[in-house]
N, C-alpha and C. Protein backbone atom coordinates (compact mmCIF):
# COMPACT_ATOMS: atom_id res chain seq x y z
N UNK A 1 -26.48 -35.89 17.81
CA UNK A 1 -26.69 -34.59 17.22
C UNK A 1 -25.55 -34.31 16.25
N UNK A 2 -25.78 -33.44 15.32
CA UNK A 2 -24.81 -33.09 14.30
C UNK A 2 -23.54 -32.51 14.93
N UNK A 3 -22.39 -33.08 14.57
CA UNK A 3 -21.10 -32.66 15.14
C UNK A 3 -20.80 -31.21 14.80
N UNK A 4 -21.17 -30.79 13.60
CA UNK A 4 -20.93 -29.41 13.18
C UNK A 4 -21.72 -28.44 14.07
N UNK A 5 -22.96 -28.78 14.37
CA UNK A 5 -23.78 -27.91 15.22
C UNK A 5 -23.22 -27.85 16.63
N UNK A 6 -22.76 -28.97 17.16
CA UNK A 6 -22.16 -28.97 18.49
C UNK A 6 -20.93 -28.07 18.54
N UNK A 7 -20.12 -28.13 17.50
CA UNK A 7 -18.94 -27.27 17.44
C UNK A 7 -19.32 -25.80 17.36
N UNK A 8 -20.34 -25.49 16.59
CA UNK A 8 -20.78 -24.09 16.49
C UNK A 8 -21.33 -23.58 17.82
N UNK A 9 -22.11 -24.41 18.50
CA UNK A 9 -22.65 -24.02 19.81
C UNK A 9 -21.51 -23.82 20.79
N UNK A 10 -20.53 -24.72 20.78
CA UNK A 10 -19.37 -24.59 21.67
C UNK A 10 -18.59 -23.32 21.40
N UNK A 11 -18.40 -22.99 20.13
CA UNK A 11 -17.67 -21.77 19.78
C UNK A 11 -18.45 -20.52 20.18
N UNK A 12 -19.78 -20.54 20.04
CA UNK A 12 -20.59 -19.40 20.46
C UNK A 12 -20.51 -19.21 21.97
N UNK A 13 -20.58 -20.31 22.71
CA UNK A 13 -20.47 -20.22 24.17
C UNK A 13 -19.10 -19.69 24.55
N UNK A 14 -18.07 -20.16 23.88
CA UNK A 14 -16.70 -19.70 24.15
C UNK A 14 -16.58 -18.19 23.91
N UNK A 15 -17.13 -17.73 22.79
CA UNK A 15 -17.06 -16.31 22.46
C UNK A 15 -17.80 -15.45 23.49
N UNK A 16 -19.01 -15.86 23.83
CA UNK A 16 -19.80 -15.08 24.78
C UNK A 16 -19.20 -15.10 26.19
N UNK A 17 -18.69 -16.26 26.60
CA UNK A 17 -18.05 -16.35 27.91
C UNK A 17 -16.81 -15.46 27.98
N UNK A 18 -16.05 -15.43 26.91
CA UNK A 18 -14.86 -14.58 26.87
C UNK A 18 -15.24 -13.12 27.05
N UNK A 19 -16.29 -12.70 26.36
CA UNK A 19 -16.75 -11.31 26.48
C UNK A 19 -17.24 -11.04 27.90
N UNK A 20 -18.03 -11.96 28.45
CA UNK A 20 -18.56 -11.78 29.80
C UNK A 20 -17.43 -11.69 30.83
N UNK A 21 -16.46 -12.57 30.74
CA UNK A 21 -15.37 -12.58 31.72
C UNK A 21 -14.50 -11.34 31.58
N UNK A 22 -14.34 -10.86 30.37
CA UNK A 22 -13.47 -9.71 30.14
C UNK A 22 -14.14 -8.40 30.56
N UNK A 23 -15.42 -8.26 30.29
CA UNK A 23 -16.06 -6.95 30.46
C UNK A 23 -17.02 -6.83 31.63
N UNK A 24 -17.67 -7.92 32.04
CA UNK A 24 -18.78 -7.78 32.97
C UNK A 24 -18.59 -8.41 34.34
N UNK A 25 -17.55 -9.19 34.51
CA UNK A 25 -17.34 -9.83 35.81
C UNK A 25 -16.65 -8.87 36.76
N UNK A 26 -17.21 -8.72 37.95
CA UNK A 26 -16.68 -7.79 38.94
C UNK A 26 -16.02 -8.51 40.12
N UNK A 27 -16.06 -9.83 40.13
CA UNK A 27 -15.51 -10.61 41.24
C UNK A 27 -13.99 -10.44 41.29
N UNK A 28 -13.45 -9.94 42.41
CA UNK A 28 -12.00 -9.74 42.48
C UNK A 28 -11.19 -11.04 42.49
N UNK A 29 -11.83 -12.17 42.81
CA UNK A 29 -11.13 -13.45 42.80
C UNK A 29 -10.77 -13.88 41.39
N UNK A 30 -11.59 -13.47 40.43
CA UNK A 30 -11.37 -13.89 39.05
C UNK A 30 -10.30 -12.99 38.45
N UNK A 31 -9.13 -13.56 38.23
CA UNK A 31 -8.00 -12.81 37.70
C UNK A 31 -8.00 -12.82 36.18
N UNK A 32 -6.81 -13.01 35.63
CA UNK A 32 -6.65 -13.02 34.18
C UNK A 32 -7.02 -14.41 33.66
N UNK A 33 -8.26 -14.54 33.20
CA UNK A 33 -8.80 -15.83 32.76
C UNK A 33 -9.03 -15.79 31.26
N UNK A 34 -8.58 -16.86 30.58
CA UNK A 34 -8.79 -17.00 29.15
C UNK A 34 -9.55 -18.30 28.89
N UNK A 35 -10.63 -18.23 28.15
CA UNK A 35 -11.37 -19.43 27.78
C UNK A 35 -10.66 -20.06 26.58
N UNK A 36 -10.13 -21.26 26.77
CA UNK A 36 -9.36 -21.91 25.71
C UNK A 36 -10.19 -22.88 24.88
N UNK A 37 -11.29 -23.37 25.44
CA UNK A 37 -12.11 -24.30 24.68
C UNK A 37 -13.39 -24.65 25.40
N UNK A 38 -14.37 -25.10 24.65
CA UNK A 38 -15.65 -25.53 25.20
C UNK A 38 -16.06 -26.82 24.51
N UNK A 39 -16.35 -27.83 25.29
CA UNK A 39 -16.87 -29.10 24.76
C UNK A 39 -18.31 -29.24 25.22
N UNK A 40 -19.21 -29.39 24.26
CA UNK A 40 -20.63 -29.52 24.56
C UNK A 40 -21.03 -30.98 24.37
N UNK A 41 -21.79 -31.52 25.32
CA UNK A 41 -22.27 -32.89 25.17
C UNK A 41 -23.28 -32.97 24.04
N UNK A 42 -23.51 -34.16 23.54
CA UNK A 42 -24.39 -34.33 22.37
C UNK A 42 -25.84 -33.95 22.65
N UNK A 43 -26.27 -33.99 23.93
CA UNK A 43 -27.64 -33.61 24.26
C UNK A 43 -27.75 -32.15 24.73
N UNK A 44 -26.66 -31.41 24.64
CA UNK A 44 -26.59 -29.99 25.01
C UNK A 44 -26.97 -29.74 26.48
N UNK A 45 -26.77 -30.72 27.34
CA UNK A 45 -27.09 -30.56 28.75
C UNK A 45 -25.92 -30.00 29.54
N UNK A 46 -24.70 -30.22 29.04
CA UNK A 46 -23.53 -29.80 29.79
C UNK A 46 -22.46 -29.28 28.84
N UNK A 47 -21.75 -28.26 29.30
CA UNK A 47 -20.63 -27.71 28.53
C UNK A 47 -19.42 -27.65 29.44
N UNK A 48 -18.36 -28.35 29.05
CA UNK A 48 -17.10 -28.27 29.79
C UNK A 48 -16.33 -27.08 29.24
N UNK A 49 -16.06 -26.14 30.12
CA UNK A 49 -15.36 -24.92 29.73
C UNK A 49 -13.93 -25.02 30.24
N UNK A 50 -12.97 -25.05 29.32
CA UNK A 50 -11.57 -25.12 29.68
C UNK A 50 -11.00 -23.71 29.73
N UNK A 51 -10.41 -23.37 30.89
CA UNK A 51 -9.88 -22.03 31.09
C UNK A 51 -8.40 -22.10 31.45
N UNK A 52 -7.68 -21.11 30.98
CA UNK A 52 -6.29 -20.92 31.34
C UNK A 52 -6.23 -19.70 32.24
N UNK A 53 -5.60 -19.85 33.41
CA UNK A 53 -5.57 -18.77 34.38
C UNK A 53 -4.13 -18.40 34.66
N UNK A 54 -3.82 -17.12 34.49
CA UNK A 54 -2.48 -16.62 34.72
C UNK A 54 -2.30 -16.36 36.22
N UNK A 55 -1.20 -16.85 36.78
CA UNK A 55 -0.90 -16.59 38.18
C UNK A 55 -0.41 -17.84 38.89
N UNK A 56 -0.23 -17.69 40.19
CA UNK A 56 0.25 -18.81 41.00
C UNK A 56 -0.86 -19.84 41.18
N UNK A 57 -0.51 -20.96 41.79
CA UNK A 57 -1.49 -22.02 42.01
C UNK A 57 -2.63 -21.54 42.90
N UNK A 58 -2.31 -20.71 43.90
CA UNK A 58 -3.36 -20.18 44.79
C UNK A 58 -4.30 -19.25 44.04
N UNK A 59 -3.73 -18.40 43.17
CA UNK A 59 -4.55 -17.48 42.38
C UNK A 59 -5.42 -18.25 41.39
N UNK A 60 -4.87 -19.33 40.83
CA UNK A 60 -5.65 -20.15 39.91
C UNK A 60 -6.82 -20.80 40.63
N UNK A 61 -6.59 -21.33 41.82
CA UNK A 61 -7.67 -21.95 42.59
C UNK A 61 -8.74 -20.92 42.96
N UNK A 62 -8.30 -19.72 43.36
CA UNK A 62 -9.26 -18.67 43.73
C UNK A 62 -10.09 -18.26 42.52
N UNK A 63 -9.45 -18.13 41.36
CA UNK A 63 -10.18 -17.76 40.14
C UNK A 63 -11.16 -18.85 39.74
N UNK A 64 -10.74 -20.11 39.86
CA UNK A 64 -11.62 -21.23 39.52
C UNK A 64 -12.82 -21.26 40.47
N UNK A 65 -12.59 -20.99 41.74
CA UNK A 65 -13.68 -20.95 42.72
C UNK A 65 -14.64 -19.81 42.41
N UNK A 66 -14.10 -18.65 42.02
CA UNK A 66 -14.93 -17.52 41.63
C UNK A 66 -15.78 -17.83 40.42
N UNK A 67 -15.21 -18.55 39.45
CA UNK A 67 -15.97 -18.94 38.27
C UNK A 67 -17.10 -19.89 38.64
N UNK A 68 -16.83 -20.83 39.54
CA UNK A 68 -17.86 -21.77 39.96
C UNK A 68 -18.99 -21.06 40.68
N UNK A 69 -18.67 -20.03 41.47
CA UNK A 69 -19.71 -19.26 42.17
C UNK A 69 -20.54 -18.42 41.20
N UNK A 70 -19.90 -17.97 40.12
CA UNK A 70 -20.58 -17.12 39.14
C UNK A 70 -21.26 -17.93 38.05
N UNK A 71 -21.27 -19.24 38.17
CA UNK A 71 -21.80 -20.12 37.13
C UNK A 71 -23.26 -19.80 36.79
N UNK A 72 -24.09 -19.54 37.78
CA UNK A 72 -25.50 -19.23 37.53
C UNK A 72 -25.68 -17.96 36.72
N UNK A 73 -24.95 -16.92 37.10
CA UNK A 73 -25.01 -15.65 36.37
C UNK A 73 -24.54 -15.84 34.93
N UNK A 74 -23.41 -16.54 34.76
CA UNK A 74 -22.86 -16.74 33.42
C UNK A 74 -23.82 -17.56 32.55
N UNK A 75 -24.42 -18.58 33.14
CA UNK A 75 -25.37 -19.41 32.40
C UNK A 75 -26.59 -18.60 31.97
N UNK A 76 -27.09 -17.76 32.86
CA UNK A 76 -28.24 -16.90 32.54
C UNK A 76 -27.90 -15.95 31.40
N UNK A 77 -26.74 -15.33 31.47
CA UNK A 77 -26.33 -14.39 30.42
C UNK A 77 -26.14 -15.09 29.08
N UNK A 78 -25.57 -16.28 29.10
CA UNK A 78 -25.40 -17.03 27.84
C UNK A 78 -26.76 -17.40 27.27
N UNK A 79 -27.71 -17.76 28.15
CA UNK A 79 -29.05 -18.08 27.70
C UNK A 79 -29.73 -16.90 27.03
N UNK A 80 -29.45 -15.70 27.51
CA UNK A 80 -30.02 -14.50 26.89
C UNK A 80 -29.39 -14.19 25.54
N UNK A 81 -28.09 -14.43 25.44
CA UNK A 81 -27.36 -14.03 24.24
C UNK A 81 -27.42 -15.07 23.11
N UNK A 82 -27.52 -16.34 23.48
CA UNK A 82 -27.57 -17.41 22.47
C UNK A 82 -28.96 -18.02 22.52
N UNK A 83 -29.59 -18.11 21.40
CA UNK A 83 -30.95 -18.63 21.34
C UNK A 83 -30.92 -20.16 21.30
N UNK A 84 -31.01 -20.77 22.47
CA UNK A 84 -31.10 -22.22 22.59
C UNK A 84 -32.32 -22.57 23.42
N UNK A 85 -32.88 -23.73 23.19
CA UNK A 85 -34.02 -24.17 23.97
C UNK A 85 -33.62 -24.35 25.44
N UNK A 86 -32.50 -25.01 25.66
CA UNK A 86 -31.97 -25.21 27.01
C UNK A 86 -30.52 -24.74 27.03
N UNK A 87 -30.18 -23.95 28.03
CA UNK A 87 -28.80 -23.51 28.18
C UNK A 87 -28.03 -24.59 28.92
N UNK A 88 -26.90 -25.03 28.39
CA UNK A 88 -26.15 -26.10 29.05
C UNK A 88 -25.59 -25.67 30.40
N UNK A 89 -25.45 -26.64 31.29
CA UNK A 89 -24.81 -26.41 32.58
C UNK A 89 -23.32 -26.25 32.34
N UNK A 90 -22.71 -25.26 32.98
CA UNK A 90 -21.29 -24.98 32.76
C UNK A 90 -20.44 -25.68 33.81
N UNK A 91 -19.42 -26.39 33.35
CA UNK A 91 -18.46 -27.04 34.23
C UNK A 91 -17.09 -26.48 33.88
N UNK A 92 -16.46 -25.79 34.83
CA UNK A 92 -15.18 -25.16 34.56
C UNK A 92 -14.04 -26.11 34.91
N UNK A 93 -13.09 -26.23 33.97
CA UNK A 93 -11.91 -27.09 34.15
C UNK A 93 -10.67 -26.27 33.82
N UNK A 94 -9.63 -26.47 34.60
CA UNK A 94 -8.37 -25.78 34.37
C UNK A 94 -7.64 -26.45 33.21
N UNK A 95 -7.27 -25.66 32.21
CA UNK A 95 -6.57 -26.18 31.03
C UNK A 95 -5.07 -26.20 31.31
N UNK A 96 -4.52 -27.39 31.38
CA UNK A 96 -3.10 -27.55 31.68
C UNK A 96 -2.26 -27.66 30.41
N UNK A 97 -2.86 -27.59 29.24
CA UNK A 97 -2.12 -27.83 28.00
C UNK A 97 -1.03 -26.81 27.74
N UNK A 98 -1.23 -25.56 28.15
CA UNK A 98 -0.20 -24.53 27.93
C UNK A 98 1.02 -24.83 28.79
N UNK A 99 0.80 -25.17 30.06
CA UNK A 99 1.91 -25.52 30.95
C UNK A 99 2.63 -26.76 30.43
N UNK A 100 1.87 -27.73 29.97
CA UNK A 100 2.45 -28.96 29.43
C UNK A 100 3.29 -28.66 28.19
N UNK A 101 2.78 -27.82 27.32
CA UNK A 101 3.51 -27.43 26.12
C UNK A 101 4.80 -26.70 26.44
N UNK A 102 4.75 -25.82 27.44
CA UNK A 102 5.96 -25.10 27.87
C UNK A 102 6.99 -26.07 28.44
N UNK A 103 6.54 -27.06 29.18
CA UNK A 103 7.45 -28.06 29.75
C UNK A 103 8.13 -28.86 28.64
N UNK A 104 7.36 -29.29 27.64
CA UNK A 104 7.91 -30.04 26.51
C UNK A 104 8.91 -29.18 25.75
N UNK A 105 8.56 -27.90 25.54
CA UNK A 105 9.44 -26.98 24.83
C UNK A 105 10.77 -26.83 25.58
N UNK A 106 10.70 -26.68 26.90
CA UNK A 106 11.93 -26.55 27.70
C UNK A 106 12.78 -27.81 27.60
N UNK A 107 12.16 -28.98 27.63
CA UNK A 107 12.90 -30.23 27.51
C UNK A 107 13.57 -30.34 26.14
N UNK A 108 12.86 -29.96 25.09
CA UNK A 108 13.44 -30.01 23.75
C UNK A 108 14.62 -29.05 23.60
N UNK A 109 14.50 -27.87 24.19
CA UNK A 109 15.61 -26.91 24.14
C UNK A 109 16.82 -27.43 24.91
N UNK A 110 16.55 -28.08 26.03
CA UNK A 110 17.63 -28.65 26.83
C UNK A 110 18.35 -29.74 26.04
N UNK A 111 17.60 -30.58 25.36
CA UNK A 111 18.19 -31.64 24.55
C UNK A 111 19.02 -31.04 23.41
N UNK A 112 18.49 -30.03 22.75
CA UNK A 112 19.22 -29.45 21.61
C UNK A 112 20.50 -28.75 22.07
N UNK A 113 20.51 -28.11 23.23
CA UNK A 113 21.74 -27.48 23.72
C UNK A 113 22.74 -28.54 24.18
N UNK A 114 22.27 -29.64 24.72
CA UNK A 114 23.16 -30.74 25.12
C UNK A 114 23.84 -31.33 23.89
N UNK A 115 23.12 -31.50 22.82
CA UNK A 115 23.69 -32.04 21.58
C UNK A 115 24.67 -31.06 20.95
N UNK A 116 24.39 -29.77 21.08
CA UNK A 116 25.27 -28.75 20.54
C UNK A 116 26.58 -28.66 21.30
N UNK A 117 26.60 -29.04 22.58
CA UNK A 117 27.80 -29.00 23.40
C UNK A 117 28.59 -30.30 23.33
N UNK A 118 28.14 -31.25 22.56
CA UNK A 118 28.84 -32.51 22.42
C UNK A 118 28.42 -33.56 23.40
N UNK A 119 27.42 -33.30 24.22
CA UNK A 119 26.93 -34.28 25.18
C UNK A 119 25.89 -35.16 24.49
N UNK A 120 25.89 -36.44 24.81
CA UNK A 120 24.86 -37.34 24.27
C UNK A 120 24.39 -38.29 25.30
């Protein structure tokens, strides 16, 4: 399938999911969740939804579990809002890239302060 169309479908799903999670989800397990990206398979059967969740590891697991339980509702709502023949199955994955980026940033700062103090 056309790569441009897949990207557009992924971005539409990302936008609608963000709105749904922000305004319409009532599950107390779902905390501060941000949709960081959506990858749609070429046959539009599955969409991997990458989410960043603010909080401790336990809160992240609880939020991820809440999202998995709400998958049917979210899929139904996306099907109503986006005109597709088949609504893709949603698979939620925790996005670790922000934590990884923060770790790299901290290491780089540590190296630069070590060099500034004369340590090598």
